[in-house]
């Protein structure tokens, strides 16, 4: 799909619209040319599918759109993606990308965090943030409003850092939607689903992005840009067909 948005943070509604149109066309083609007649089963299985997206799509706007449309989805949280990428950098002796937050060393786990001294900090309460002045959150649904999540240890007795510790209570700011999606990824079953999508090759526009980086296109309108991308795709496909000729046998 080719979209005119500058990034993926607000594109979920466009992606879902395109998917729905594609499925509708697929069913129409099945009716006219296909051999299957169980259209209800096709729709049922589509409802059971999980939409999987990388951390570029992790935003409150996208998550709310999925929630509102009752779409079962897995969108990689940016914090977990950052931790995973830093782990790979360490393994390859590369410099980590850190935001140097005082909370960077608190490992996120199911329903809590792990303090650097290996102590579990459990979620104890959630508070809605109150703003003295008009705020952008005022007009948002409750699950999209930023809240404070409070975590606390069961006991500080015996902690080697008890003299200097300022984090007996650990607080993060998040929305309910963001927090719930992060909780999903801390469930091994859901994480396995997410990892499985890497085994499929990315679409052709993904290939162009990876192979060419940023493309400076000639077209100046959406229609012209779409035509130009389609021409590039056709050239790529023809090249691949020529290279694959006589390699199957």
Protein backbone atom coordinates (compact mmCIF):
# COMPACT_ATOMS: atom_id res chain seq x y z
CA UNK A 1 0.00 0.00 0.00
CA UNK A 2 1.29 3.44 -0.88
CA UNK A 3 0.16 6.19 1.52
CA UNK A 4 0.90 9.91 1.54
CA UNK A 5 1.36 10.11 5.34
CA UNK A 6 4.83 11.10 6.56
CA UNK A 7 5.01 8.08 8.93
CA UNK A 8 2.90 5.14 10.17
CA UNK A 9 1.65 6.67 13.42
CA UNK A 10 -1.75 7.72 12.02
CA UNK A 11 -2.14 5.34 9.08
CA UNK A 12 -4.05 2.42 10.61
CA UNK A 13 -7.44 3.67 9.41
CA UNK A 14 -6.13 3.88 5.83
CA UNK A 15 -4.51 0.44 6.04
CA UNK A 16 -7.73 -1.18 7.34
CA UNK A 17 -9.81 0.56 4.68
CA UNK A 18 -7.49 -0.82 1.99
CA UNK A 19 -7.62 -4.32 3.51
CA UNK A 20 -11.44 -4.28 3.63
CA UNK A 21 -11.63 -3.20 -0.02
CA UNK A 22 -9.17 -5.95 -0.99
CA UNK A 23 -11.18 -8.60 0.88
CA UNK A 24 -14.42 -7.37 -0.70
CA UNK A 25 -12.86 -7.64 -4.17
CA UNK A 26 -11.45 -11.08 -3.31
CA UNK A 27 -14.92 -12.39 -2.38
CA UNK A 28 -16.45 -10.90 -5.54
CA UNK A 29 -13.77 -12.63 -7.64
CA UNK A 30 -14.39 -15.90 -5.77
CA UNK A 31 -18.08 -15.68 -6.66
CA UNK A 32 -17.36 -15.06 -10.34
CA UNK A 33 -14.23 -17.13 -11.00
CA UNK A 34 -13.54 -19.30 -7.97
CA UNK A 35 -14.58 -22.79 -6.94
CA UNK A 36 -15.36 -22.04 -3.29
CA UNK A 37 -18.83 -21.14 -2.08
CA UNK A 38 -18.29 -20.86 1.67
CA UNK A 39 -18.15 -17.05 1.82
CA UNK A 40 -19.36 -16.99 5.43
CA UNK A 41 -16.36 -19.09 6.42
CA UNK A 42 -14.03 -16.67 4.62
CA UNK A 43 -15.48 -13.75 6.58
CA UNK A 44 -15.39 -15.70 9.84
CA UNK A 45 -11.74 -16.67 9.40
CA UNK A 46 -10.85 -13.07 8.58
CA UNK A 47 -12.44 -11.97 11.86
CA UNK A 48 -10.30 -14.53 13.70
CA UNK A 49 -7.06 -13.29 12.16
CA UNK A 50 -4.59 -11.14 14.10
CA UNK A 51 -3.35 -7.93 12.51
CA UNK A 52 0.40 -7.68 13.19
CA UNK A 53 2.35 -4.43 12.87
CA UNK A 54 5.82 -3.23 13.85
CA UNK A 55 6.63 -0.45 16.34
CA UNK A 56 6.25 2.26 13.69
CA UNK A 57 2.48 1.82 14.09
CA UNK A 58 2.56 2.02 17.91
CA UNK A 59 0.56 5.16 18.69
CA UNK A 60 -2.56 5.92 20.71
CA UNK A 61 -4.38 7.00 17.53
CA UNK A 62 -3.74 3.66 15.80
CA UNK A 63 -4.51 1.57 18.88
CA UNK A 64 -7.78 3.41 19.48
CA UNK A 65 -8.86 2.86 15.89
CA UNK A 66 -8.19 -0.88 16.27
CA UNK A 67 -10.06 -0.94 19.60
CA UNK A 68 -13.03 0.97 18.17
CA UNK A 69 -13.30 -1.41 15.21
CA UNK A 70 -12.81 -4.52 17.40
CA UNK A 71 -9.72 -5.61 15.46
CA UNK A 72 -7.57 -8.24 17.18
CA UNK A 73 -4.06 -6.85 16.75
CA UNK A 74 -0.45 -7.03 17.89
CA UNK A 75 1.49 -3.78 17.52
CA UNK A 76 5.05 -3.88 18.85
CA UNK A 77 5.50 -1.29 21.66
CA UNK A 78 8.32 1.15 20.99
CA UNK A 79 9.93 0.57 24.40
CA UNK A 80 10.16 -3.20 23.89
CA UNK A 81 11.39 -2.73 20.33
CA UNK A 82 14.11 -0.38 21.58
CA UNK A 83 15.21 -2.89 24.24
CA UNK A 84 15.34 -5.71 21.67
CA UNK A 85 17.36 -3.61 19.21
CA UNK A 86 19.81 -2.60 21.95
CA UNK A 87 20.27 -6.25 22.87
CA UNK A 88 21.18 -7.03 19.25
CA UNK A 89 23.60 -4.07 19.21
CA UNK A 90 25.33 -5.34 22.35
CA UNK A 91 25.70 -8.80 20.81
CA UNK A 92 27.31 -7.22 17.74
CA UNK A 93 29.55 -4.85 19.74
CA UNK A 94 27.68 -1.78 18.53
CA UNK A 95 26.76 1.32 20.51
CA UNK A 96 23.30 1.23 22.08
CA UNK A 97 20.67 3.84 21.36
CA UNK A 98 19.52 5.08 24.78
CA UNK A 99 17.27 7.95 25.82
CA UNK A 100 19.17 8.21 29.13
CA UNK A 101 16.01 8.15 31.22
CA UNK A 102 16.34 7.35 34.94
CA UNK A 103 13.89 4.49 34.24
CA UNK A 104 15.96 2.83 31.51
CA UNK A 105 17.28 0.09 33.78
CA UNK A 106 13.85 -1.10 34.93
CA UNK A 107 13.03 -4.21 32.94
CA UNK A 108 9.36 -4.41 31.90
CA UNK A 109 7.71 -7.72 32.79
CA UNK A 110 4.13 -9.00 33.01
CA UNK A 111 2.14 -6.66 35.30
CA UNK A 112 5.25 -4.96 36.64
CA UNK A 113 8.94 -4.12 36.41
CA UNK A 114 12.18 -5.65 37.63
CA UNK A 115 14.36 -3.31 39.66
CA UNK A 116 18.11 -3.47 38.82
CA UNK A 117 18.58 -5.38 42.13
CA UNK A 118 16.34 -8.16 40.68
CA UNK A 119 13.32 -7.18 42.78
CA UNK A 120 9.86 -7.36 41.29
CA UNK A 121 7.81 -4.14 41.40
CA UNK A 122 4.10 -4.88 41.02
CA UNK A 123 1.38 -2.56 39.72
CA UNK A 124 -0.56 -1.19 42.71
CA UNK A 125 -2.74 1.59 41.29
CA UNK A 126 -3.55 3.75 38.28
CA UNK A 127 -4.45 7.43 38.54
CA UNK A 128 -5.93 9.74 35.92
CA UNK A 129 -3.85 12.86 35.45
CA UNK A 130 -5.59 16.12 36.33
CA UNK A 131 -4.72 19.22 34.33
CA UNK A 132 -5.21 22.74 35.64
CA UNK A 133 -5.44 24.17 32.14
CA UNK A 134 -7.27 22.87 29.04
CA UNK A 135 -5.36 19.84 27.75
CA UNK A 136 -5.41 17.73 24.57
CA UNK A 137 -6.48 14.71 26.68
CA UNK A 138 -9.76 16.41 27.68
CA UNK A 139 -11.55 15.48 24.46
CA UNK A 140 -10.17 11.92 24.23
CA UNK A 141 -11.90 8.68 25.29
CA UNK A 142 -10.83 7.43 28.74
CA UNK A 143 -8.61 4.63 27.39
CA UNK A 144 -6.66 7.20 25.32
CA UNK A 145 -5.93 9.58 28.21
CA UNK A 146 -2.46 9.61 29.74
CA UNK A 147 -2.48 8.14 33.26
CA UNK A 148 0.04 7.45 35.99
CA UNK A 149 0.82 3.79 36.69
CA UNK A 150 2.30 3.17 40.15
CA UNK A 151 4.57 0.18 40.86
CA UNK A 152 5.91 -0.86 44.23
CA UNK A 153 8.14 -3.59 45.68
CA UNK A 154 6.78 -6.16 48.11
CA UNK A 155 9.66 -5.45 50.48
CA UNK A 156 12.88 -3.43 50.48
CA UNK A 157 14.48 -5.46 53.27
CA UNK A 158 17.89 -6.77 52.29
CA UNK A 159 18.20 -4.63 49.15
CA UNK A 160 21.84 -3.70 48.53
CA UNK A 161 20.83 -0.28 47.21
CA UNK A 162 18.42 0.69 49.99
CA UNK A 163 20.58 3.61 51.18
CA UNK A 164 20.60 5.42 47.83
CA UNK A 165 17.33 4.21 46.30
CA UNK A 166 14.77 6.80 45.25
CA UNK A 167 12.50 4.32 43.52
CA UNK A 168 10.62 2.53 46.30
CA UNK A 169 7.63 3.58 44.24
CA UNK A 170 8.17 3.58 40.48
CA UNK A 171 5.83 5.65 38.26
CA UNK A 172 5.34 5.61 34.49
CA UNK A 173 2.96 7.55 32.29
CA UNK A 174 0.91 5.64 29.73
CA UNK A 175 -2.55 5.24 28.26
CA UNK A 176 -4.68 2.17 28.98
CA UNK A 177 -4.41 1.10 25.33
CA UNK A 178 -0.62 1.39 25.27
CA UNK A 179 -0.27 -0.41 28.60
CA UNK A 180 -2.57 -3.29 27.57
CA UNK A 181 -0.73 -3.77 24.26
CA UNK A 182 2.59 -3.93 26.12
CA UNK A 183 1.09 -6.53 28.49
CA UNK A 184 0.14 -8.63 25.45
CA UNK A 185 3.73 -8.72 24.24
CA UNK A 186 4.90 -9.94 27.63
CA UNK A 187 2.76 -13.03 27.09
CA UNK A 188 4.92 -15.67 25.37
CA UNK A 189 2.06 -16.88 23.14
CA UNK A 190 1.44 -13.45 21.64
CA UNK A 191 5.14 -12.76 21.24
CA UNK A 192 5.47 -16.01 19.26
CA UNK A 193 2.69 -14.81 16.91
CA UNK A 194 4.59 -11.57 16.33
CA UNK A 195 7.91 -13.32 15.65
CA UNK A 196 6.22 -15.61 13.10
CA UNK A 197 5.36 -12.72 10.77
CA UNK A 198 9.06 -12.16 10.00
CA UNK A 199 9.15 -15.44 8.10
CA UNK A 200 7.02 -13.89 5.34
CA UNK A 201 8.67 -11.66 2.76
CA UNK A 202 7.74 -7.99 2.89
CA UNK A 203 5.67 -6.44 0.09
CA UNK A 204 7.31 -4.98 -2.97
CA UNK A 205 7.13 -1.39 -1.70
CA UNK A 206 9.06 -2.63 1.34
CA UNK A 207 11.70 -4.03 -1.03
CA UNK A 208 12.01 -0.71 -2.83
CA UNK A 209 12.37 1.13 0.47
CA UNK A 210 15.04 -1.26 1.70
CA UNK A 211 16.93 -1.45 -1.59
CA UNK A 212 16.82 2.21 -2.63
CA UNK A 213 16.30 4.09 0.62
CA UNK A 214 14.43 7.36 0.06
CA UNK A 215 13.28 7.68 -3.54
CA UNK A 216 12.98 11.09 -5.16
CA UNK A 217 9.95 10.63 -7.40
CA UNK A 218 9.14 12.65 -10.50
CA UNK A 219 5.36 12.72 -9.92
CA UNK A 220 3.80 15.59 -7.98
CA UNK A 221 0.25 14.26 -7.41
CA UNK A 222 -0.99 11.11 -5.66
CA UNK A 223 -2.06 9.61 -8.98
CA UNK A 224 1.27 10.35 -10.66
CA UNK A 225 3.23 8.94 -7.72
CA UNK A 226 1.13 5.76 -7.71
CA UNK A 227 1.72 5.29 -11.44
CA UNK A 228 5.46 5.82 -11.00
CA UNK A 229 5.66 3.28 -8.18
CA UNK A 230 3.67 0.75 -10.24
CA UNK A 231 6.14 1.19 -13.11
CA UNK A 232 9.05 0.59 -10.73
CA UNK A 233 7.28 -2.51 -9.40
CA UNK A 234 6.74 -3.82 -12.93
CA UNK A 235 10.41 -3.32 -13.80
CA UNK A 236 11.41 -5.16 -10.61
CA UNK A 237 9.03 -8.06 -11.33
CA UNK A 238 10.20 -8.39 -14.94
CA UNK A 239 13.83 -8.38 -13.81
CA UNK A 240 13.10 -11.07 -11.25
CA UNK A 241 11.28 -13.21 -13.84
CA UNK A 242 14.23 -12.98 -16.23
CA UNK A 243 16.65 -13.93 -13.44
CA UNK A 244 14.47 -16.86 -12.37
CA UNK A 245 14.05 -18.24 -15.90
CA UNK A 246 15.13 -21.90 -16.15
CA UNK A 247 16.15 -22.01 -12.46
CA UNK A 248 13.13 -24.07 -11.31
CA UNK A 249 14.24 -27.28 -13.09
